[in-house]
C-alpha atoms as a PDB file:
ATOM      1  CA  MET A   1     185.756 172.063 188.497  1.00  0.00           C
ATOM      2  CA  SER A   2     188.207 170.368 191.444  1.00  0.00           C
ATOM      3  CA  LEU A   3     189.763 173.755 192.805  1.00  0.00           C
ATOM      4  CA  ASN A   4     192.938 172.156 192.420  1.00  0.00           C
ATOM      5  CA  GLU A   5     193.268 172.931 189.154  1.00  0.00           C
ATOM      6  CA  SER A   6     193.008 176.532 189.587  1.00  0.00           C
ATOM      7  CA  THR A   7     195.177 177.259 192.625  1.00  0.00           C
ATOM      8  CA  ILE A   8     198.134 179.378 192.953  1.00  0.00           C
ATOM      9  CA  ASN A   9     199.604 176.998 195.853  1.00  0.00           C
ATOM     10  CA  ILE A  10     203.106 178.922 198.014  1.00  0.00           C
ATOM     11  CA  PRO A  11     205.631 176.099 197.496  1.00  0.00           C
ATOM     12  CA  ILE A  12     206.455 175.396 201.020  1.00  0.00           C
ATOM     13  CA  LEU A  13     203.234 175.016 202.643  1.00  0.00           C
ATOM     14  CA  ASP A  14     203.189 172.379 199.386  1.00  0.00           C
ATOM     15  CA  ASN A  15     206.368 170.775 200.812  1.00  0.00           C
ATOM     16  CA  ILE A  16     204.922 170.809 204.096  1.00  0.00           C
ATOM     17  CA  ASP A  17     201.526 168.933 203.158  1.00  0.00           C
ATOM     18  CA  ARG A  18     203.051 166.729 201.222  1.00  0.00           C
ATOM     19  CA  THR A  19     205.621 165.638 203.887  1.00  0.00           C
ATOM     20  CA  PHE A  20     202.838 165.284 205.890  1.00  0.00           C
ATOM     21  CA  VAL A  21     200.880 163.440 204.004  1.00  0.00           C
ATOM     22  CA  LYS A  22     203.975 160.749 203.029  1.00  0.00           C
ATOM     23  CA  ALA A  23     204.490 160.402 206.795  1.00  0.00           C
ATOM     24  CA  GLU A  24     200.306 159.282 207.501  1.00  0.00           C
ATOM     25  CA  ARG A  25     200.044 157.412 205.263  1.00  0.00           C
ATOM     26  CA  ILE A  26     203.478 154.722 205.921  1.00  0.00           C
ATOM     27  CA  PHE A  27     201.872 155.093 208.998  1.00  0.00           C
ATOM     28  CA  ALA A  28     197.981 154.856 208.044  1.00  0.00           C
ATOM     29  CA  VAL A  29     199.401 151.684 205.697  1.00  0.00           C
ATOM     30  CA  THR A  30     201.493 149.994 208.828  1.00  0.00           C
ATOM     31  CA  THR A  31     199.489 150.467 211.347  1.00  0.00           C
ATOM     32  CA  PHE A  32     196.442 148.693 208.868  1.00  0.00           C
ATOM     33  CA  CYS A  33     198.884 145.906 207.943  1.00  0.00           C
ATOM     34  CA  ILE A  34     199.878 144.997 211.879  1.00  0.00           C
ATOM     35  CA  MET A  35     196.264 144.665 212.323  1.00  0.00           C
ATOM     36  CA  LEU A  36     195.384 142.852 209.434  1.00  0.00           C
ATOM     37  CA  ILE A  37     197.984 140.425 210.608  1.00  0.00           C
ATOM     38  CA  ILE A  38     197.456 140.190 214.135  1.00  0.00           C
ATOM     39  CA  MET A  39     193.701 139.610 212.634  1.00  0.00           C
ATOM     40  CA  ILE A  40     194.743 136.623 210.789  1.00  0.00           C
ATOM     41  CA  MET A  41     196.614 135.551 213.840  1.00  0.00           C
ATOM     42  CA  GLN A  42     193.702 135.225 216.078  1.00  0.00           C
ATOM     43  CA  VAL A  43     190.960 133.714 213.752  1.00  0.00           C
ATOM     44  CA  ILE A  44     193.568 130.657 213.500  1.00  0.00           C
ATOM     45  CA  ALA A  45     194.989 130.251 216.728  1.00  0.00           C
ATOM     46  CA  ARG A  46     190.534 130.350 218.153  1.00  0.00           C
ATOM     47  CA  TYR A  47     189.213 128.622 215.281  1.00  0.00           C
ATOM     48  CA  PHE A  48     192.243 126.202 214.288  1.00  0.00           C
ATOM     49  CA  LEU A  49     193.965 125.910 217.520  1.00  0.00           C
ATOM     50  CA  GLN A  50     191.408 126.499 219.975  1.00  0.00           C
ATOM     51  CA  ILE A  51     194.292 128.708 221.734  1.00  0.00           C
ATOM     52  CA  PRO A  52     191.934 132.293 222.459  1.00  0.00           C
ATOM     53  CA  THR A  53     193.595 135.661 222.001  1.00  0.00           C
ATOM     54  CA  PRO A  54     191.671 137.971 224.922  1.00  0.00           C
ATOM     55  CA  TRP A  55     195.238 140.781 223.992  1.00  0.00           C
ATOM     56  CA  ALA A  56     194.692 140.616 220.377  1.00  0.00           C
ATOM     57  CA  GLU A  57     190.764 142.342 219.575  1.00  0.00           C
ATOM     58  CA  GLU A  58     192.346 145.166 222.266  1.00  0.00           C
ATOM     59  CA  VAL A  59     194.582 145.469 220.448  1.00  0.00           C
ATOM     60  CA  ILE A  60     193.082 144.929 216.932  1.00  0.00           C
ATOM     61  CA  ARG A  61     190.495 147.943 218.320  1.00  0.00           C
ATOM     62  CA  PHE A  62     193.863 150.507 219.507  1.00  0.00           C
ATOM     63  CA  LEU A  63     195.751 150.176 215.488  1.00  0.00           C
ATOM     64  CA  PHE A  64     191.793 150.647 214.422  1.00  0.00           C
ATOM     65  CA  VAL A  65     191.099 153.763 216.299  1.00  0.00           C
ATOM     66  CA  MET A  66     195.582 154.986 215.342  1.00  0.00           C
ATOM     67  CA  THR A  67     194.582 153.863 211.146  1.00  0.00           C
ATOM     68  CA  THR A  68     191.392 155.938 211.322  1.00  0.00           C
ATOM     69  CA  PHE A  69     192.119 159.427 212.884  1.00  0.00           C
ATOM     70  CA  ILE A  70     195.416 159.821 210.838  1.00  0.00           C
ATOM     71  CA  SER A  71     194.114 158.255 207.444  1.00  0.00           C
ATOM     72  CA  ALA A  72     191.140 160.993 207.629  1.00  0.00           C
ATOM     73  CA  ALA A  73     193.888 163.848 207.764  1.00  0.00           C
ATOM     74  CA  VAL A  74     195.036 162.166 204.857  1.00  0.00           C
ATOM     75  CA  LEU A  75     191.352 162.442 203.451  1.00  0.00           C
ATOM     76  CA  THR A  76     191.679 166.039 204.171  1.00  0.00           C
ATOM     77  CA  GLN A  77     193.958 166.399 202.811  1.00  0.00           C
ATOM     78  CA  GLU A  78     193.085 165.388 198.936  1.00  0.00           C
ATOM     79  CA  ARG A  79     189.435 166.527 199.388  1.00  0.00           C
ATOM     80  CA  ASP A  80     188.013 162.827 200.188  1.00  0.00           C
ATOM     81  CA  HIS A  81     185.997 162.340 202.304  1.00  0.00           C
ATOM     82  CA  ILE A  82     182.210 161.832 202.120  1.00  0.00           C
ATOM     83  CA  ALA A  83     180.633 165.483 200.561  1.00  0.00           C
ATOM     84  CA  ILE A  84     177.122 166.705 200.166  1.00  0.00           C
ATOM     85  CA  ASP A  85     177.760 168.292 196.377  1.00  0.00           C
ATOM     86  CA  VAL A  86     173.956 169.429 196.061  1.00  0.00           C
ATOM     87  CA  ILE A  87     175.625 173.605 195.860  1.00  0.00           C
ATOM     88  CA  VAL A  88     178.617 172.361 193.976  1.00  0.00           C
ATOM     89  CA  THR A  89     177.003 170.812 190.844  1.00  0.00           C
ATOM     90  CA  PRO A  90     174.083 174.305 190.016  1.00  0.00           C
ATOM     91  CA  ILE A  91     178.097 176.506 190.163  1.00  0.00           C
ATOM     92  CA  GLU A  92     179.017 173.652 187.237  1.00  0.00           C
ATOM     93  CA  ASN A  93     176.604 174.859 185.093  1.00  0.00           C
ATOM     94  CA  ILE A  94     177.700 178.592 185.075  1.00  0.00           C
ATOM     95  CA  LYS A  95     178.837 179.699 181.619  1.00  0.00           C
ATOM     96  CA  ASP A  96     181.330 182.279 182.681  1.00  0.00           C
ATOM     97  CA  THR A  97     184.669 180.597 183.395  1.00  0.00           C
ATOM     98  CA  THR A  98     185.561 183.446 185.588  1.00  0.00           C
ATOM     99  CA  LYS A  99     182.581 184.174 188.139  1.00  0.00           C
ATOM    100  CA  ARG A 100     182.716 179.964 188.338  1.00  0.00           C
ATOM    101  CA  GLU A 101     185.994 179.143 188.937  1.00  0.00           C
ATOM    102  CA  LYS A 102     185.141 182.242 191.695  1.00  0.00           C
ATOM    103  CA  THR A 103     182.437 180.749 193.174  1.00  0.00           C
ATOM    104  CA  ASN A 104     183.688 178.190 193.274  1.00  0.00           C
ATOM    105  CA  ARG A 105     187.010 179.345 195.237  1.00  0.00           C
ATOM    106  CA  PHE A 106     184.300 181.291 197.905  1.00  0.00           C
ATOM    107  CA  LEU A 107     182.657 178.167 197.902  1.00  0.00           C
ATOM    108  CA  TRP A 108     186.118 175.904 198.965  1.00  0.00           C
ATOM    109  CA  LEU A 109     186.889 178.842 200.951  1.00  0.00           C
ATOM    110  CA  PHE A 110     184.357 178.437 203.162  1.00  0.00           C
ATOM    111  CA  ALA A 111     184.376 175.222 203.312  1.00  0.00           C
ATOM    112  CA  ASP A 112     188.168 174.867 204.667  1.00  0.00           C
ATOM    113  CA  ILE A 113     187.079 177.689 207.343  1.00  0.00           C
ATOM    114  CA  VAL A 114     184.372 175.715 208.831  1.00  0.00           C
ATOM    115  CA  SER A 115     185.749 172.575 208.663  1.00  0.00           C
ATOM    116  CA  CYS A 116     189.003 174.074 209.796  1.00  0.00           C
ATOM    117  CA  VAL A 117     187.330 175.733 213.087  1.00  0.00           C
ATOM    118  CA  ILE A 118     185.638 172.564 213.753  1.00  0.00           C
ATOM    119  CA  ALA A 119     188.326 170.519 213.823  1.00  0.00           C
ATOM    120  CA  CYS A 120     189.993 172.757 216.149  1.00  0.00           C
ATOM    121  CA  ILE A 121     188.149 172.960 218.495  1.00  0.00           C
ATOM    122  CA  ILE A 122     187.320 169.237 218.643  1.00  0.00           C
ATOM    123  CA  THR A 123     191.261 168.806 219.385  1.00  0.00           C
ATOM    124  CA  TYR A 124     190.255 171.196 222.118  1.00  0.00           C
ATOM    125  CA  ARG A 125     187.655 168.805 223.319  1.00  0.00           C
ATOM    126  CA  VAL A 126     189.929 165.502 222.837  1.00  0.00           C
ATOM    127  CA  HIS A 127     192.365 166.967 224.850  1.00  0.00           C
ATOM    128  CA  LEU A 128     191.234 167.740 227.461  1.00  0.00           C
ATOM    129  CA  TYR A 129     189.581 164.254 227.022  1.00  0.00           C
ATOM    130  CA  THR A 130     193.002 163.138 226.706  1.00  0.00           C
ATOM    131  CA  MET A 131     193.975 165.224 229.484  1.00  0.00           C
ATOM    132  CA  ALA A 132     191.182 163.660 231.777  1.00  0.00           C
ATOM    133  CA  MET A 133     192.576 160.114 230.808  1.00  0.00           C
ATOM    134  CA  MET A 134     195.897 160.572 231.898  1.00  0.00           C
ATOM    135  CA  ARG A 135     195.146 162.565 235.546  1.00  0.00           C
ATOM    136  CA  THR A 136     192.737 158.871 236.436  1.00  0.00           C
ATOM    137  CA  SER A 137     195.670 157.056 234.660  1.00  0.00           C
ATOM    138  CA  GLN A 138     192.487 154.570 232.804  1.00  0.00           C
ATOM    139  CA  GLU A 139     193.967 151.017 232.201  1.00  0.00           C
ATOM    140  CA  SER A 140     192.309 148.539 229.266  1.00  0.00           C
ATOM    141  CA  PRO A 141     191.046 145.685 230.296  1.00  0.00           C
ATOM    142  CA  ALA A 142     192.828 143.610 228.717  1.00  0.00           C
ATOM    143  CA  LEU A 143     196.479 144.903 228.108  1.00  0.00           C
ATOM    144  CA  GLN A 144     196.840 146.873 231.382  1.00  0.00           C
ATOM    145  CA  TRP A 145     197.900 149.562 228.868  1.00  0.00           C
ATOM    146  CA  PRO A 146     197.170 152.755 229.781  1.00  0.00           C
ATOM    147  CA  MET A 147     193.886 154.221 227.268  1.00  0.00           C
ATOM    148  CA  ALA A 148     195.922 157.931 227.168  1.00  0.00           C
ATOM    149  CA  PRO A 149     197.899 157.700 224.407  1.00  0.00           C
ATOM    150  CA  ILE A 150     195.651 155.834 222.092  1.00  0.00           C
ATOM    151  CA  VAL A 151     192.757 159.024 222.496  1.00  0.00           C
ATOM    152  CA  MET A 152     195.623 160.600 221.768  1.00  0.00           C
ATOM    153  CA  PHE A 153     196.008 159.310 218.557  1.00  0.00           C
ATOM    154  CA  MET A 154     192.086 160.864 217.905  1.00  0.00           C
ATOM    155  CA  GLU A 155     193.835 164.102 219.070  1.00  0.00           C
ATOM    156  CA  ILE A 156     197.318 164.212 216.176  1.00  0.00           C
ATOM    157  CA  GLY A 157     194.810 162.461 213.495  1.00  0.00           C
ATOM    158  CA  PHE A 158     192.081 166.281 214.227  1.00  0.00           C
ATOM    159  CA  ILE A 159     195.624 168.311 214.989  1.00  0.00           C
ATOM    160  CA  LEU A 160     196.673 167.130 211.202  1.00  0.00           C
ATOM    161  CA  MET A 161     193.087 167.367 209.948  1.00  0.00           C
ATOM    162  CA  SER A 162     193.925 171.689 210.986  1.00  0.00           C
ATOM    163  CA  ILE A 163     197.300 172.067 209.516  1.00  0.00           C
ATOM    164  CA  HIS A 164     195.667 170.624 206.092  1.00  0.00           C
ATOM    165  CA  TYR A 165     193.108 172.842 206.068  1.00  0.00           C
ATOM    166  CA  LEU A 166     195.048 175.800 207.798  1.00  0.00           C
ATOM    167  CA  ILE A 167     197.455 174.422 204.613  1.00  0.00           C
ATOM    168  CA  LYS A 168     194.432 174.997 201.788  1.00  0.00           C
ATOM    169  CA  ILE A 169     192.957 178.484 203.370  1.00  0.00           C
ATOM    170  CA  ILE A 170     196.561 180.107 203.188  1.00  0.00           C
ATOM    171  CA  ASN A 171     196.824 178.678 199.383  1.00  0.00           C
ATOM    172  CA  CYS A 172     193.110 179.128 199.135  1.00  0.00           C
ATOM    173  CA  PHE A 173     193.652 183.469 199.425  1.00  0.00           C
ATOM    174  CA  ASN A 174     197.498 183.522 198.175  1.00  0.00           C
ATOM    175  CA  THR A 175     195.305 182.421 194.454  1.00  0.00           C
ATOM    176  CA  MET A 176     193.090 184.744 195.888  1.00  0.00           C
ATOM    177  CA  ASN A 177     195.626 188.142 196.011  1.00  0.00           C
ATOM    178  CA  TYR A 178     197.751 186.661 192.480  1.00  0.00           C
ATOM    179  CA  LYS A 179     194.586 186.869 191.051  1.00  0.00           C
ATOM    180  CA  ARG A 180     193.653 189.980 191.751  1.00  0.00           C
ATOM    181  CA  ARG A 181     196.745 190.912 190.902  1.00  0.00           C
ATOM    182  CA  GLU A 182     196.748 189.548 187.879  1.00  0.00           C
ATOM    183  CA  SER A 183     193.133 191.422 187.057  1.00  0.00           C
ATOM    184  CA  LYS A 184     194.733 194.789 187.445  1.00  0.00           C
ATOM    185  CA  LYS A 185     197.418 194.270 185.132  1.00  0.00           C
END
């Protein structure tokens, strides 16, 4: 059973979550398509026209970093990251539906809290790295672009992941409170 089947979500948080995911998807698809077009142009220029394009590889690398970290935020919201289901599989065998739902909800809550803490720690560390990049004014070799904005996309991706985890945690606590109130009636 997926956790999303039995949660009582807060509407405003769901709207925020959906808005972020929509923007993240548009950004990820756009950067991926630009990356694909540049790759095709690079292949044609290099192998058919014999014209080297030293800038293309660097731009593709930057777009790949942007796409990867923004897409990771989408996967966080959709719970589509790679997962090990060693614990989840035995829970599905619990006959008592209420007990299975509570156990499942607790495990998702625990996983979301741990993941949120890790995402926040990584965000902080990447922020420090971004600030160091800004202080040193490091530039890319071919295009002489500053590296800090590119690294900043890692930070943005982890901030978005943290936001998605926080929304999941709040909604899970809301569901637990709602279920508790319903059981007392």
